[in-house]
């Protein structure tokens, strides 16, 4: 197998709440047991491996409780930011891990939005939804599952510009599901590079849909 070039170095940061399956997904992506399973991740852990023509670096980050970022500890918030520092400069992607079949309701939406935005104002431009527990999908497709989902889950997928993938961590031997994910990430990064080389439009003072302000964070019920 040819060695991966620098342009094929994919840097992945796993994000998610408690019991989302981040560590299991990281182990499936790397095809080896790197991240601890069965205990909550408390500090960031990074590992790199060459696979299918890619050099893949994965950072597993601490899981948050399903609360507002305001109610998370400072230690957790600083550790999340440290994960981004560990990955270094260059193209990267955040994989927002959520278990397929688990309810995604308003408080989950608040937790996801506020914790992700700790990673920077443009975090959503680099984020893809990664559904764990792919074995729960059954005979239907992920597209059918999303189509029939509630508004909160549809919000998450749309916020990530309809970028998503499903991993079945019980089928670690299925290399195709990982190769397909890496190809999606490579395509996502390539599109971002192409966009960054395009001259920005001249500002005319008019508001377009592309320049619309970001959706504000939802407020919690008191």
N, C-alpha and C. Protein backbone atom coordinates (compact mmCIF):
# COMPACT_ATOMS: atom_id res chain seq x y z
N UNK A 1 0.85 -1.20 0.00
CA UNK A 1 0.00 0.00 0.00
C UNK A 1 0.88 1.24 0.00
N UNK A 2 0.54 2.18 -0.82
CA UNK A 2 1.33 3.40 -0.91
C UNK A 2 1.19 4.19 0.37
N UNK A 3 2.27 4.88 0.76
CA UNK A 3 2.21 5.69 1.97
C UNK A 3 1.32 6.89 1.75
N UNK A 4 0.63 7.31 2.80
CA UNK A 4 -0.31 8.43 2.70
C UNK A 4 0.45 9.73 2.61
N UNK A 5 0.03 10.59 1.74
CA UNK A 5 0.64 11.91 1.61
C UNK A 5 0.05 12.83 2.66
N UNK A 6 0.65 14.02 2.79
CA UNK A 6 0.17 14.97 3.78
C UNK A 6 -1.26 15.37 3.50
N UNK A 7 -1.63 15.45 2.22
CA UNK A 7 -3.00 15.85 1.88
C UNK A 7 -4.01 14.79 2.27
N UNK A 8 -3.54 13.58 2.57
CA UNK A 8 -4.43 12.49 2.94
C UNK A 8 -4.41 12.24 4.45
N UNK A 9 -3.83 13.18 5.19
CA UNK A 9 -3.82 13.05 6.65
C UNK A 9 -5.13 13.61 7.18
N UNK A 10 -5.98 12.73 7.67
CA UNK A 10 -7.28 13.13 8.20
C UNK A 10 -7.21 13.22 9.71
N UNK A 11 -7.57 14.38 10.24
CA UNK A 11 -7.52 14.61 11.68
C UNK A 11 -8.95 14.69 12.21
N UNK A 12 -9.27 13.78 13.11
CA UNK A 12 -10.64 13.62 13.59
C UNK A 12 -10.70 13.90 15.09
N UNK A 13 -11.66 14.73 15.48
CA UNK A 13 -11.93 15.00 16.89
C UNK A 13 -13.32 14.47 17.21
N UNK A 14 -13.39 13.53 18.14
CA UNK A 14 -14.67 12.94 18.53
C UNK A 14 -15.29 13.76 19.65
N UNK A 15 -16.55 14.15 19.48
CA UNK A 15 -17.27 14.92 20.48
C UNK A 15 -18.60 14.24 20.77
N UNK A 16 -19.09 14.39 22.00
CA UNK A 16 -20.40 13.82 22.32
C UNK A 16 -20.65 13.75 23.81
N UNK A 17 -21.89 13.46 24.15
CA UNK A 17 -22.29 13.35 25.55
C UNK A 17 -22.08 11.97 26.10
N UNK A 18 -22.48 11.78 27.35
CA UNK A 18 -22.31 10.50 28.04
C UNK A 18 -23.01 9.38 27.30
N UNK A 19 -22.32 8.26 27.19
CA UNK A 19 -22.82 7.03 26.60
C UNK A 19 -23.15 7.16 25.11
N UNK A 20 -22.53 8.13 24.44
CA UNK A 20 -22.77 8.28 23.00
C UNK A 20 -22.06 7.21 22.18
N UNK A 21 -20.99 6.67 22.71
CA UNK A 21 -20.23 5.66 21.97
C UNK A 21 -19.01 6.21 21.27
N UNK A 22 -18.49 7.35 21.75
CA UNK A 22 -17.33 7.97 21.11
C UNK A 22 -16.11 7.05 21.08
N UNK A 23 -15.78 6.52 22.25
CA UNK A 23 -14.57 5.70 22.34
C UNK A 23 -14.67 4.45 21.47
N UNK A 24 -15.85 3.85 21.45
CA UNK A 24 -16.05 2.67 20.59
C UNK A 24 -15.89 3.04 19.12
N UNK A 25 -16.42 4.20 18.74
CA UNK A 25 -16.27 4.65 17.34
C UNK A 25 -14.81 4.90 17.02
N UNK A 26 -14.08 5.50 17.96
CA UNK A 26 -12.66 5.74 17.74
C UNK A 26 -11.89 4.44 17.53
N UNK A 27 -12.21 3.43 18.32
CA UNK A 27 -11.55 2.13 18.15
C UNK A 27 -11.91 1.48 16.83
N UNK A 28 -13.16 1.65 16.40
CA UNK A 28 -13.57 1.09 15.11
C UNK A 28 -12.85 1.78 13.96
N UNK A 29 -12.74 3.10 14.04
CA UNK A 29 -12.07 3.87 12.98
C UNK A 29 -10.60 3.48 12.87
N UNK A 30 -9.94 3.30 14.03
CA UNK A 30 -8.51 2.99 14.04
C UNK A 30 -8.22 1.49 13.92
N UNK A 31 -9.26 0.67 14.01
CA UNK A 31 -9.12 -0.78 13.92
C UNK A 31 -8.20 -1.34 15.00
N UNK A 32 -8.27 -0.73 16.17
CA UNK A 32 -7.53 -1.28 17.31
C UNK A 32 -8.08 -0.66 18.59
N UNK A 33 -7.84 -1.34 19.72
CA UNK A 33 -8.35 -0.87 21.00
C UNK A 33 -7.39 0.16 21.59
N UNK A 34 -7.76 1.41 21.43
CA UNK A 34 -6.94 2.52 21.93
C UNK A 34 -7.64 3.21 23.09
N UNK A 35 -8.93 3.45 22.92
CA UNK A 35 -9.70 4.23 23.89
C UNK A 35 -10.48 3.30 24.82
N UNK A 36 -10.49 3.64 26.10
CA UNK A 36 -11.12 2.80 27.11
C UNK A 36 -12.63 2.74 26.92
N UNK A 37 -13.18 1.54 27.07
CA UNK A 37 -14.61 1.31 26.95
C UNK A 37 -15.17 0.96 28.33
N UNK A 38 -16.36 1.47 28.64
CA UNK A 38 -17.01 1.13 29.89
C UNK A 38 -16.79 2.12 31.00
N UNK A 39 -15.90 3.08 30.79
CA UNK A 39 -15.68 4.15 31.77
C UNK A 39 -15.70 5.49 31.04
N UNK A 40 -16.15 6.52 31.73
CA UNK A 40 -16.23 7.83 31.11
C UNK A 40 -14.84 8.39 30.82
N UNK A 41 -14.66 8.91 29.61
CA UNK A 41 -13.39 9.54 29.23
C UNK A 41 -13.27 10.87 29.97
N UNK A 42 -12.16 11.06 30.66
CA UNK A 42 -11.97 12.27 31.46
C UNK A 42 -10.93 13.21 30.87
N UNK A 43 -9.98 12.66 30.11
CA UNK A 43 -8.96 13.50 29.46
C UNK A 43 -8.86 13.10 28.00
N UNK A 44 -8.36 14.00 27.18
CA UNK A 44 -8.22 13.73 25.75
C UNK A 44 -7.12 12.69 25.52
N UNK A 45 -7.39 11.80 24.58
CA UNK A 45 -6.41 10.78 24.19
C UNK A 45 -6.31 10.81 22.67
N UNK A 46 -5.07 10.78 22.14
CA UNK A 46 -4.86 10.87 20.70
C UNK A 46 -4.09 9.66 20.20
N UNK A 47 -4.45 9.18 19.01
CA UNK A 47 -3.74 8.07 18.39
C UNK A 47 -3.77 8.25 16.88
N UNK A 48 -2.71 7.80 16.20
CA UNK A 48 -2.60 7.91 14.75
C UNK A 48 -2.33 6.53 14.15
N UNK A 49 -2.95 6.27 13.00
CA UNK A 49 -2.73 5.01 12.31
C UNK A 49 -2.91 5.22 10.81
N UNK A 50 -2.14 4.49 10.02
CA UNK A 50 -2.32 4.50 8.57
C UNK A 50 -3.29 3.39 8.19
N UNK A 51 -4.26 3.75 7.35
CA UNK A 51 -5.27 2.77 6.97
C UNK A 51 -5.88 3.14 5.62
N UNK A 52 -5.94 2.19 4.72
CA UNK A 52 -6.59 2.35 3.42
C UNK A 52 -6.09 3.57 2.65
N UNK A 53 -4.81 3.85 2.73
CA UNK A 53 -4.24 4.96 2.01
C UNK A 53 -4.35 6.30 2.71
N UNK A 54 -4.88 6.29 3.93
CA UNK A 54 -5.00 7.51 4.73
C UNK A 54 -4.13 7.42 5.96
N UNK A 55 -3.62 8.56 6.40
CA UNK A 55 -3.05 8.65 7.73
C UNK A 55 -4.13 9.28 8.60
N UNK A 56 -4.57 8.56 9.60
CA UNK A 56 -5.73 8.98 10.38
C UNK A 56 -5.31 9.26 11.82
N UNK A 57 -5.58 10.46 12.29
CA UNK A 57 -5.36 10.83 13.68
C UNK A 57 -6.72 11.05 14.34
N UNK A 58 -6.93 10.40 15.46
CA UNK A 58 -8.20 10.51 16.17
C UNK A 58 -7.93 11.00 17.59
N UNK A 59 -8.70 12.00 18.01
CA UNK A 59 -8.66 12.49 19.39
C UNK A 59 -10.00 12.19 20.05
N UNK A 60 -9.97 11.41 21.11
CA UNK A 60 -11.17 11.14 21.91
C UNK A 60 -11.21 12.16 23.03
N UNK A 61 -12.34 12.83 23.21
CA UNK A 61 -12.47 13.90 24.20
C UNK A 61 -13.41 13.47 25.33
N UNK A 62 -13.38 14.17 26.46
CA UNK A 62 -14.29 13.84 27.56
C UNK A 62 -15.75 14.01 27.14
N UNK A 63 -16.60 13.15 27.67
CA UNK A 63 -18.03 13.25 27.41
C UNK A 63 -18.65 14.28 28.34
N UNK A 64 -19.62 15.03 27.84
CA UNK A 64 -20.33 15.97 28.69
C UNK A 64 -21.64 15.35 29.16
N UNK A 65 -22.14 15.86 30.29
CA UNK A 65 -23.48 15.51 30.72
C UNK A 65 -24.47 16.27 29.84
N UNK A 66 -25.70 15.78 29.78
CA UNK A 66 -26.68 16.41 28.88
C UNK A 66 -27.29 17.63 29.53
N UNK A 67 -26.42 18.61 29.76
CA UNK A 67 -26.81 19.88 30.37
C UNK A 67 -26.20 21.01 29.55
N UNK A 68 -26.59 22.22 29.86
CA UNK A 68 -25.99 23.38 29.22
C UNK A 68 -24.49 23.43 29.53
N UNK A 69 -23.71 24.01 28.60
CA UNK A 69 -22.27 24.15 28.84
C UNK A 69 -22.01 24.99 30.08
N UNK A 70 -22.93 25.88 30.39
CA UNK A 70 -22.80 26.71 31.59
C UNK A 70 -22.73 25.85 32.85
N UNK A 71 -23.39 24.70 32.81
CA UNK A 71 -23.43 23.82 33.98
C UNK A 71 -22.35 22.73 33.96
N UNK A 72 -21.53 22.70 32.91
CA UNK A 72 -20.39 21.77 32.86
C UNK A 72 -19.21 22.36 33.62
N UNK A 73 -18.35 21.50 34.09
CA UNK A 73 -17.20 21.97 34.86
C UNK A 73 -16.20 22.69 33.96
N UNK A 74 -15.43 23.57 34.56
CA UNK A 74 -14.39 24.28 33.82
C UNK A 74 -13.33 23.30 33.33
N UNK A 75 -13.08 22.25 34.12
CA UNK A 75 -12.09 21.25 33.73
C UNK A 75 -12.50 20.57 32.43
N UNK A 76 -13.78 20.20 32.33
CA UNK A 76 -14.26 19.56 31.11
C UNK A 76 -14.16 20.49 29.92
N UNK A 77 -14.57 21.73 30.10
CA UNK A 77 -14.54 22.69 28.99
C UNK A 77 -13.11 22.96 28.52
N UNK A 78 -12.19 23.06 29.45
CA UNK A 78 -10.79 23.28 29.08
C UNK A 78 -10.21 22.06 28.38
N UNK A 79 -10.63 20.87 28.81
CA UNK A 79 -10.12 19.64 28.19
C UNK A 79 -10.64 19.50 26.76
N UNK A 80 -11.90 19.90 26.53
CA UNK A 80 -12.43 19.89 25.16
C UNK A 80 -11.59 20.78 24.25
N UNK A 81 -11.26 21.96 24.73
CA UNK A 81 -10.45 22.89 23.94
C UNK A 81 -9.03 22.34 23.74
N UNK A 82 -8.52 21.62 24.73
CA UNK A 82 -7.18 21.04 24.61
C UNK A 82 -7.14 19.99 23.50
N UNK A 83 -8.28 19.31 23.27
CA UNK A 83 -8.33 18.34 22.19
C UNK A 83 -8.05 18.98 20.85
N UNK A 84 -8.56 20.18 20.66
CA UNK A 84 -8.31 20.90 19.42
C UNK A 84 -6.84 21.32 19.33
N UNK A 85 -6.24 21.69 20.45
CA UNK A 85 -4.82 22.05 20.46
C UNK A 85 -3.96 20.83 20.14
N UNK A 86 -4.35 19.67 20.63
CA UNK A 86 -3.58 18.46 20.39
C UNK A 86 -3.53 18.09 18.91
N UNK A 87 -4.64 18.32 18.21
CA UNK A 87 -4.71 17.92 16.81
C UNK A 87 -3.83 18.81 15.93
N UNK A 88 -3.53 20.03 16.43
CA UNK A 88 -2.62 20.91 15.69
C UNK A 88 -3.27 21.56 14.48
N UNK A 89 -2.45 22.22 13.70
CA UNK A 89 -2.93 22.93 12.52
C UNK A 89 -3.23 21.95 11.39
N UNK A 90 -3.98 22.43 10.43
CA UNK A 90 -4.30 21.60 9.27
C UNK A 90 -5.76 21.22 9.25
N UNK A 91 -6.16 20.58 8.17
CA UNK A 91 -7.55 20.20 7.99
C UNK A 91 -7.97 19.17 9.03
N UNK A 92 -9.15 19.38 9.56
CA UNK A 92 -9.67 18.44 10.55
C UNK A 92 -11.19 18.43 10.46
N UNK A 93 -11.78 17.47 11.17
CA UNK A 93 -13.23 17.37 11.21
C UNK A 93 -13.65 16.99 12.63
N UNK A 94 -14.75 17.58 13.09
CA UNK A 94 -15.36 17.17 14.34
C UNK A 94 -16.44 16.15 14.01
N UNK A 95 -16.39 15.00 14.65
CA UNK A 95 -17.45 14.01 14.51
C UNK A 95 -18.32 14.08 15.76
N UNK A 96 -19.53 14.59 15.59
CA UNK A 96 -20.48 14.70 16.69
C UNK A 96 -21.19 13.35 16.80
N UNK A 97 -20.81 12.56 17.83
CA UNK A 97 -21.29 11.18 17.95
C UNK A 97 -22.60 11.16 18.75
N UNK A 98 -23.59 10.46 18.17
CA UNK A 98 -24.86 10.29 18.88
C UNK A 98 -25.39 8.90 18.58
N UNK A 99 -25.90 8.20 19.61
CA UNK A 99 -26.35 6.82 19.41
C UNK A 99 -27.66 6.74 18.64
N UNK A 100 -27.65 5.97 17.59
CA UNK A 100 -28.85 5.77 16.78
C UNK A 100 -29.93 5.11 17.63
N UNK A 101 -31.15 5.61 17.54
CA UNK A 101 -32.26 5.04 18.28
C UNK A 101 -32.52 5.72 19.61
N UNK A 102 -31.55 6.46 20.14
CA UNK A 102 -31.76 7.18 21.39
C UNK A 102 -32.53 8.47 21.11
N UNK A 103 -33.42 8.89 22.01
CA UNK A 103 -34.17 10.12 21.77
C UNK A 103 -33.26 11.34 21.78
N UNK A 104 -33.48 12.24 20.85
CA UNK A 104 -32.73 13.50 20.80
C UNK A 104 -33.75 14.62 21.01
N UNK A 105 -33.77 15.18 22.21
CA UNK A 105 -34.79 16.15 22.57
C UNK A 105 -34.16 17.52 22.81
N UNK A 106 -34.95 18.47 23.28
CA UNK A 106 -34.50 19.85 23.40
C UNK A 106 -33.26 20.00 24.27
N UNK A 107 -33.22 19.31 25.42
CA UNK A 107 -32.05 19.47 26.28
C UNK A 107 -30.79 18.89 25.64
N UNK A 108 -30.94 17.86 24.80
CA UNK A 108 -29.80 17.34 24.06
C UNK A 108 -29.33 18.35 23.03
N UNK A 109 -30.28 18.99 22.38
CA UNK A 109 -29.95 20.02 21.39
C UNK A 109 -29.16 21.16 22.03
N UNK A 110 -29.61 21.60 23.20
CA UNK A 110 -28.92 22.68 23.91
C UNK A 110 -27.50 22.27 24.27
N UNK A 111 -27.36 21.06 24.82
CA UNK A 111 -26.04 20.57 25.23
C UNK A 111 -25.09 20.48 24.04
N UNK A 112 -25.57 19.93 22.93
CA UNK A 112 -24.74 19.79 21.73
C UNK A 112 -24.31 21.16 21.22
N UNK A 113 -25.26 22.06 21.05
CA UNK A 113 -24.94 23.36 20.47
C UNK A 113 -23.94 24.13 21.33
N UNK A 114 -24.18 24.16 22.64
CA UNK A 114 -23.32 24.97 23.50
C UNK A 114 -21.93 24.36 23.69
N UNK A 115 -21.85 23.05 23.78
CA UNK A 115 -20.53 22.44 23.95
C UNK A 115 -19.72 22.48 22.65
N UNK A 116 -20.37 22.27 21.51
CA UNK A 116 -19.63 22.36 20.26
C UNK A 116 -19.09 23.76 20.04
N UNK A 117 -19.86 24.76 20.37
CA UNK A 117 -19.44 26.12 20.09
C UNK A 117 -18.32 26.60 21.00
N UNK A 118 -17.96 25.78 21.99
CA UNK A 118 -16.76 26.06 22.75
C UNK A 118 -15.52 25.87 21.88
N UNK A 119 -15.66 25.13 20.77
CA UNK A 119 -14.54 24.82 19.90
C UNK A 119 -14.27 25.91 18.87
N UNK A 120 -15.10 26.96 18.85
CA UNK A 120 -14.87 28.06 17.91
C UNK A 120 -16.12 28.45 17.16
N UNK A 121 -16.14 29.66 16.65
CA UNK A 121 -17.32 30.19 15.98
C UNK A 121 -17.68 29.43 14.72
N UNK A 122 -16.68 28.85 14.04
CA UNK A 122 -16.94 28.17 12.77
C UNK A 122 -16.99 26.65 12.92
N UNK A 123 -17.25 26.18 14.14
CA UNK A 123 -17.21 24.74 14.40
C UNK A 123 -18.17 23.96 13.50
N UNK A 124 -19.34 24.53 13.21
CA UNK A 124 -20.33 23.80 12.43
C UNK A 124 -19.88 23.58 10.99
N UNK A 125 -18.98 24.42 10.50
CA UNK A 125 -18.46 24.25 9.14
C UNK A 125 -17.56 23.02 9.04
N UNK A 126 -17.14 22.49 10.18
CA UNK A 126 -16.21 21.35 10.21
C UNK A 126 -16.81 20.13 10.89
N UNK A 127 -18.13 20.10 11.07
CA UNK A 127 -18.75 19.05 11.86
C UNK A 127 -19.61 18.12 11.01
N UNK A 128 -19.53 16.84 11.31
CA UNK A 128 -20.35 15.80 10.71
C UNK A 128 -20.98 14.98 11.83
N UNK A 129 -22.23 14.58 11.65
CA UNK A 129 -22.88 13.72 12.63
C UNK A 129 -22.42 12.27 12.39
N UNK A 130 -21.98 11.62 13.46
CA UNK A 130 -21.63 10.21 13.37
C UNK A 130 -22.58 9.44 14.28
N UNK A 131 -23.47 8.67 13.69
CA UNK A 131 -24.41 7.87 14.46
C UNK A 131 -23.74 6.56 14.85
N UNK A 132 -23.62 6.32 16.15
CA UNK A 132 -23.13 5.04 16.64
C UNK A 132 -24.32 4.08 16.75
N UNK A 133 -24.04 2.87 17.19
CA UNK A 133 -25.07 1.81 17.30
C UNK A 133 -25.76 1.56 15.96
N UNK A 134 -24.96 1.43 14.94
CA UNK A 134 -25.51 1.16 13.61
C UNK A 134 -26.29 -0.14 13.54
N UNK A 135 -26.05 -1.05 14.52
CA UNK A 135 -26.79 -2.31 14.54
C UNK A 135 -28.25 -2.09 14.89
N UNK A 136 -28.60 -0.91 15.38
CA UNK A 136 -29.98 -0.59 15.70
C UNK A 136 -30.75 -0.08 14.49
N UNK A 137 -30.08 0.07 13.38
CA UNK A 137 -30.74 0.65 12.20
C UNK A 137 -31.79 -0.31 11.63
N UNK A 138 -31.55 -1.59 11.75
CA UNK A 138 -32.50 -2.57 11.22
C UNK A 138 -32.45 -2.63 9.70
N UNK A 139 -33.60 -2.90 9.09
CA UNK A 139 -33.65 -3.06 7.65
C UNK A 139 -33.85 -1.74 6.91
N UNK A 140 -34.18 -0.69 7.62
CA UNK A 140 -34.37 0.60 6.98
C UNK A 140 -33.05 1.29 6.70
N UNK A 141 -33.12 2.46 6.10
CA UNK A 141 -31.92 3.25 5.80
C UNK A 141 -31.82 4.41 6.77
N UNK A 142 -30.64 4.96 6.88
CA UNK A 142 -30.45 6.12 7.76
C UNK A 142 -31.24 7.31 7.22
N UNK A 143 -31.38 7.40 5.92
CA UNK A 143 -32.17 8.49 5.34
C UNK A 143 -33.63 8.39 5.77
N UNK A 144 -34.16 7.18 5.80
CA UNK A 144 -35.54 6.99 6.26
C UNK A 144 -35.67 7.34 7.73
N UNK A 145 -34.67 6.97 8.51
CA UNK A 145 -34.71 7.26 9.94
C UNK A 145 -34.69 8.78 10.19
N UNK A 146 -33.86 9.49 9.44
CA UNK A 146 -33.79 10.94 9.60
C UNK A 146 -35.08 11.60 9.13
N UNK A 147 -35.64 11.11 8.04
CA UNK A 147 -36.88 11.67 7.50
C UNK A 147 -38.01 11.57 8.52
N UNK A 148 -38.03 10.48 9.29
CA UNK A 148 -39.08 10.29 10.27
C UNK A 148 -38.73 10.79 11.66
N UNK A 149 -37.59 11.47 11.81
CA UNK A 149 -37.12 11.91 13.12
C UNK A 149 -37.87 13.17 13.57
N UNK A 150 -37.70 13.50 14.85
CA UNK A 150 -38.29 14.73 15.37
C UNK A 150 -37.50 15.95 14.91
N UNK A 151 -38.04 17.12 15.20
CA UNK A 151 -37.43 18.36 14.70
C UNK A 151 -36.04 18.60 15.28
N UNK A 152 -35.79 18.13 16.50
CA UNK A 152 -34.49 18.36 17.12
C UNK A 152 -33.38 17.59 16.40
N UNK A 153 -33.65 16.33 16.07
CA UNK A 153 -32.63 15.56 15.36
C UNK A 153 -32.45 16.08 13.94
N UNK A 154 -33.53 16.47 13.31
CA UNK A 154 -33.41 17.06 11.97
C UNK A 154 -32.59 18.34 12.03
N UNK A 155 -32.77 19.10 13.10
CA UNK A 155 -31.97 20.33 13.29
C UNK A 155 -30.48 20.00 13.31
N UNK A 156 -30.11 18.94 14.06
CA UNK A 156 -28.70 18.57 14.17
C UNK A 156 -28.12 18.21 12.81
N UNK A 157 -28.84 17.40 12.06
CA UNK A 157 -28.35 16.98 10.74
C UNK A 157 -28.24 18.18 9.80
N UNK A 158 -29.26 19.04 9.81
CA UNK A 158 -29.25 20.22 8.94
C UNK A 158 -28.16 21.20 9.36
N UNK A 159 -27.92 21.31 10.68
CA UNK A 159 -26.87 22.22 11.18
C UNK A 159 -25.50 21.77 10.68
N UNK A 160 -25.35 20.49 10.45
CA UNK A 160 -24.10 19.93 9.91
C UNK A 160 -24.16 19.82 8.39
N UNK A 161 -25.07 20.58 7.78
CA UNK A 161 -25.20 20.63 6.31
C UNK A 161 -25.42 19.25 5.72
N UNK A 162 -26.24 18.44 6.41
CA UNK A 162 -26.60 17.09 5.96
C UNK A 162 -25.41 16.16 5.77
N UNK A 163 -24.38 16.40 6.58
CA UNK A 163 -23.22 15.49 6.59
C UNK A 163 -23.40 14.51 7.74
N UNK A 164 -23.46 13.22 7.43
CA UNK A 164 -23.65 12.23 8.47
C UNK A 164 -23.14 10.87 8.00
N UNK A 165 -22.93 9.99 8.97
CA UNK A 165 -22.49 8.63 8.67
C UNK A 165 -22.93 7.73 9.82
N UNK A 166 -23.03 6.44 9.55
CA UNK A 166 -23.42 5.46 10.56
C UNK A 166 -22.30 4.45 10.73
N UNK A 167 -21.95 4.16 11.99
CA UNK A 167 -20.97 3.11 12.29
C UNK A 167 -21.61 2.04 13.15
N UNK A 168 -21.36 0.80 12.79
CA UNK A 168 -21.77 -0.34 13.60
C UNK A 168 -20.53 -0.86 14.31
N UNK A 169 -20.39 -0.50 15.58
CA UNK A 169 -19.20 -0.88 16.33
C UNK A 169 -19.16 -2.36 16.69
N UNK A 170 -20.25 -3.06 16.43
CA UNK A 170 -20.26 -4.51 16.64
C UNK A 170 -19.76 -5.25 15.41
N UNK A 171 -19.49 -4.51 14.34
CA UNK A 171 -18.95 -5.10 13.10
C UNK A 171 -17.61 -4.47 12.80
N UNK A 172 -16.69 -4.61 13.73
CA UNK A 172 -15.36 -4.00 13.58
C UNK A 172 -14.64 -4.55 12.36
N UNK A 173 -14.99 -5.74 11.92
CA UNK A 173 -14.33 -6.32 10.76
C UNK A 173 -14.81 -5.76 9.44
N UNK A 174 -15.88 -4.96 9.47
CA UNK A 174 -16.41 -4.35 8.25
C UNK A 174 -15.61 -3.10 7.93
N UNK A 175 -14.55 -3.27 7.15
CA UNK A 175 -13.68 -2.14 6.84
C UNK A 175 -14.35 -1.12 5.92
N UNK A 176 -15.33 -1.57 5.14
CA UNK A 176 -15.95 -0.66 4.18
C UNK A 176 -16.63 0.50 4.87
N UNK A 177 -17.27 0.26 6.02
CA UNK A 177 -17.97 1.34 6.71
C UNK A 177 -16.99 2.44 7.16
N UNK A 178 -15.75 2.03 7.50
CA UNK A 178 -14.75 3.01 7.90
C UNK A 178 -14.16 3.72 6.68
N UNK A 179 -13.89 2.96 5.62
CA UNK A 179 -13.37 3.57 4.40
C UNK A 179 -14.36 4.59 3.85
N UNK A 180 -15.64 4.25 3.89
CA UNK A 180 -16.67 5.18 3.41
C UNK A 180 -16.68 6.45 4.25
N UNK A 181 -16.53 6.32 5.58
CA UNK A 181 -16.46 7.49 6.45
C UNK A 181 -15.25 8.36 6.11
N UNK A 182 -14.09 7.75 5.94
CA UNK A 182 -12.88 8.50 5.62
C UNK A 182 -13.00 9.21 4.28
N UNK A 183 -13.65 8.57 3.32
CA UNK A 183 -13.86 9.21 2.02
C UNK A 183 -14.79 10.42 2.15
N UNK A 184 -15.81 10.30 2.99
CA UNK A 184 -16.71 11.43 3.23
C UNK A 184 -15.96 12.59 3.88
N UNK A 185 -15.08 12.26 4.83
CA UNK A 185 -14.30 13.30 5.49
C UNK A 185 -13.35 13.97 4.51
N UNK A 186 -12.70 13.17 3.68
CA UNK A 186 -11.78 13.73 2.69
C UNK A 186 -12.53 14.66 1.74
N UNK A 187 -13.72 14.26 1.30
CA UNK A 187 -14.51 15.09 0.41
C UNK A 187 -14.92 16.38 1.10
N UNK A 188 -15.30 16.28 2.35
CA UNK A 188 -15.69 17.45 3.12
C UNK A 188 -14.55 18.44 3.24
N UNK A 189 -13.35 17.94 3.54
CA UNK A 189 -12.18 18.81 3.68
C UNK A 189 -11.81 19.43 2.33
N UNK A 190 -11.89 18.64 1.27
CA UNK A 190 -11.56 19.15 -0.07
C UNK A 190 -12.51 20.28 -0.47
N UNK A 191 -13.77 20.13 -0.14
CA UNK A 191 -14.74 21.18 -0.46
C UNK A 191 -14.46 22.44 0.33
N UNK A 192 -14.03 22.30 1.58
CA UNK A 192 -13.68 23.46 2.38
C UNK A 192 -12.47 24.18 1.81
N UNK A 193 -11.49 23.41 1.34
CA UNK A 193 -10.29 24.03 0.74
C UNK A 193 -10.66 24.79 -0.53
N UNK A 194 -11.53 24.17 -1.33
CA UNK A 194 -11.95 24.81 -2.58
C UNK A 194 -12.67 26.12 -2.28
N UNK A 195 -13.54 26.08 -1.25
CA UNK A 195 -14.28 27.28 -0.87
C UNK A 195 -13.35 28.38 -0.38
N UNK A 196 -12.31 28.00 0.40
CA UNK A 196 -11.41 28.98 0.98
C UNK A 196 -10.57 29.68 -0.07
N UNK A 197 -10.40 29.05 -1.24
CA UNK A 197 -9.60 29.66 -2.31
C UNK A 197 -10.44 30.59 -3.19
N UNK A 198 -11.75 30.60 -2.97
CA UNK A 198 -12.62 31.45 -3.77
C UNK A 198 -12.64 32.85 -3.18
N UNK A 199 -12.56 33.85 -4.04
CA UNK A 199 -12.60 35.24 -3.58
C UNK A 199 -13.94 35.51 -2.91
N UNK A 200 -13.96 36.11 -1.72
CA UNK A 200 -15.23 36.42 -1.07
C UNK A 200 -15.99 37.48 -1.87
N UNK A 201 -17.33 37.42 -1.88
CA UNK A 201 -18.11 38.40 -2.62
C UNK A 201 -17.97 39.79 -2.03
N UNK A 202 -18.08 40.78 -2.86
CA UNK A 202 -17.98 42.17 -2.40
C UNK A 202 -19.18 42.49 -1.53
N UNK A 203 -18.94 43.13 -0.39
CA UNK A 203 -20.02 43.45 0.53
C UNK A 203 -20.82 44.64 0.01
N UNK A 204 -22.13 44.44 -0.08
CA UNK A 204 -22.99 45.50 -0.61
C UNK A 204 -23.92 46.07 0.45
N UNK A 205 -23.88 45.49 1.64
CA UNK A 205 -24.78 45.95 2.68
C UNK A 205 -26.08 45.19 2.72
N UNK A 206 -26.31 44.32 1.71
CA UNK A 206 -27.53 43.54 1.68
C UNK A 206 -27.29 42.20 2.37
N UNK A 207 -28.33 41.65 2.94
CA UNK A 207 -28.24 40.37 3.63
C UNK A 207 -28.73 39.27 2.74
N UNK A 208 -27.90 38.24 2.54
CA UNK A 208 -28.29 37.09 1.75
C UNK A 208 -28.45 35.90 2.67
N UNK A 209 -29.00 34.83 2.13
CA UNK A 209 -29.17 33.64 2.95
C UNK A 209 -27.84 33.07 3.37
N UNK A 210 -26.82 33.21 2.50
CA UNK A 210 -25.49 32.69 2.82
C UNK A 210 -24.85 33.47 3.94
N UNK A 211 -25.24 34.76 4.07
CA UNK A 211 -24.65 35.60 5.10
C UNK A 211 -25.56 35.82 6.27
N UNK A 212 -26.58 35.01 6.40
CA UNK A 212 -27.52 35.16 7.50
C UNK A 212 -26.83 34.89 8.82
N UNK A 213 -27.26 35.56 9.87
CA UNK A 213 -26.63 35.34 11.17
C UNK A 213 -26.88 33.94 11.66
N UNK A 214 -25.97 33.45 12.49
CA UNK A 214 -26.10 32.11 13.04
C UNK A 214 -27.33 32.05 13.94
N UNK A 215 -27.93 30.88 14.00
CA UNK A 215 -29.08 30.67 14.88
C UNK A 215 -28.62 30.81 16.31
N UNK A 216 -29.33 31.61 17.13
CA UNK A 216 -28.90 31.78 18.53
C UNK A 216 -29.09 30.51 19.31
N UNK A 217 -28.32 30.37 20.36
CA UNK A 217 -28.44 29.20 21.21
C UNK A 217 -29.81 29.21 21.86
N UNK A 218 -30.49 28.05 21.91
CA UNK A 218 -31.80 28.00 22.56
C UNK A 218 -31.66 28.26 24.04
N UNK A 219 -32.67 28.88 24.64
CA UNK A 219 -32.63 29.20 26.05
C UNK A 219 -33.22 28.04 26.85
N UNK A 220 -32.70 27.85 28.02
CA UNK A 220 -33.23 26.82 28.88
C UNK A 220 -34.47 27.31 29.60
N UNK A 221 -35.37 26.39 29.89
CA UNK A 221 -36.53 26.73 30.70
C UNK A 221 -36.11 26.89 32.14
N UNK A 222 -36.56 27.95 32.73
CA UNK A 222 -36.23 28.20 34.13
C UNK A 222 -37.16 27.41 35.05
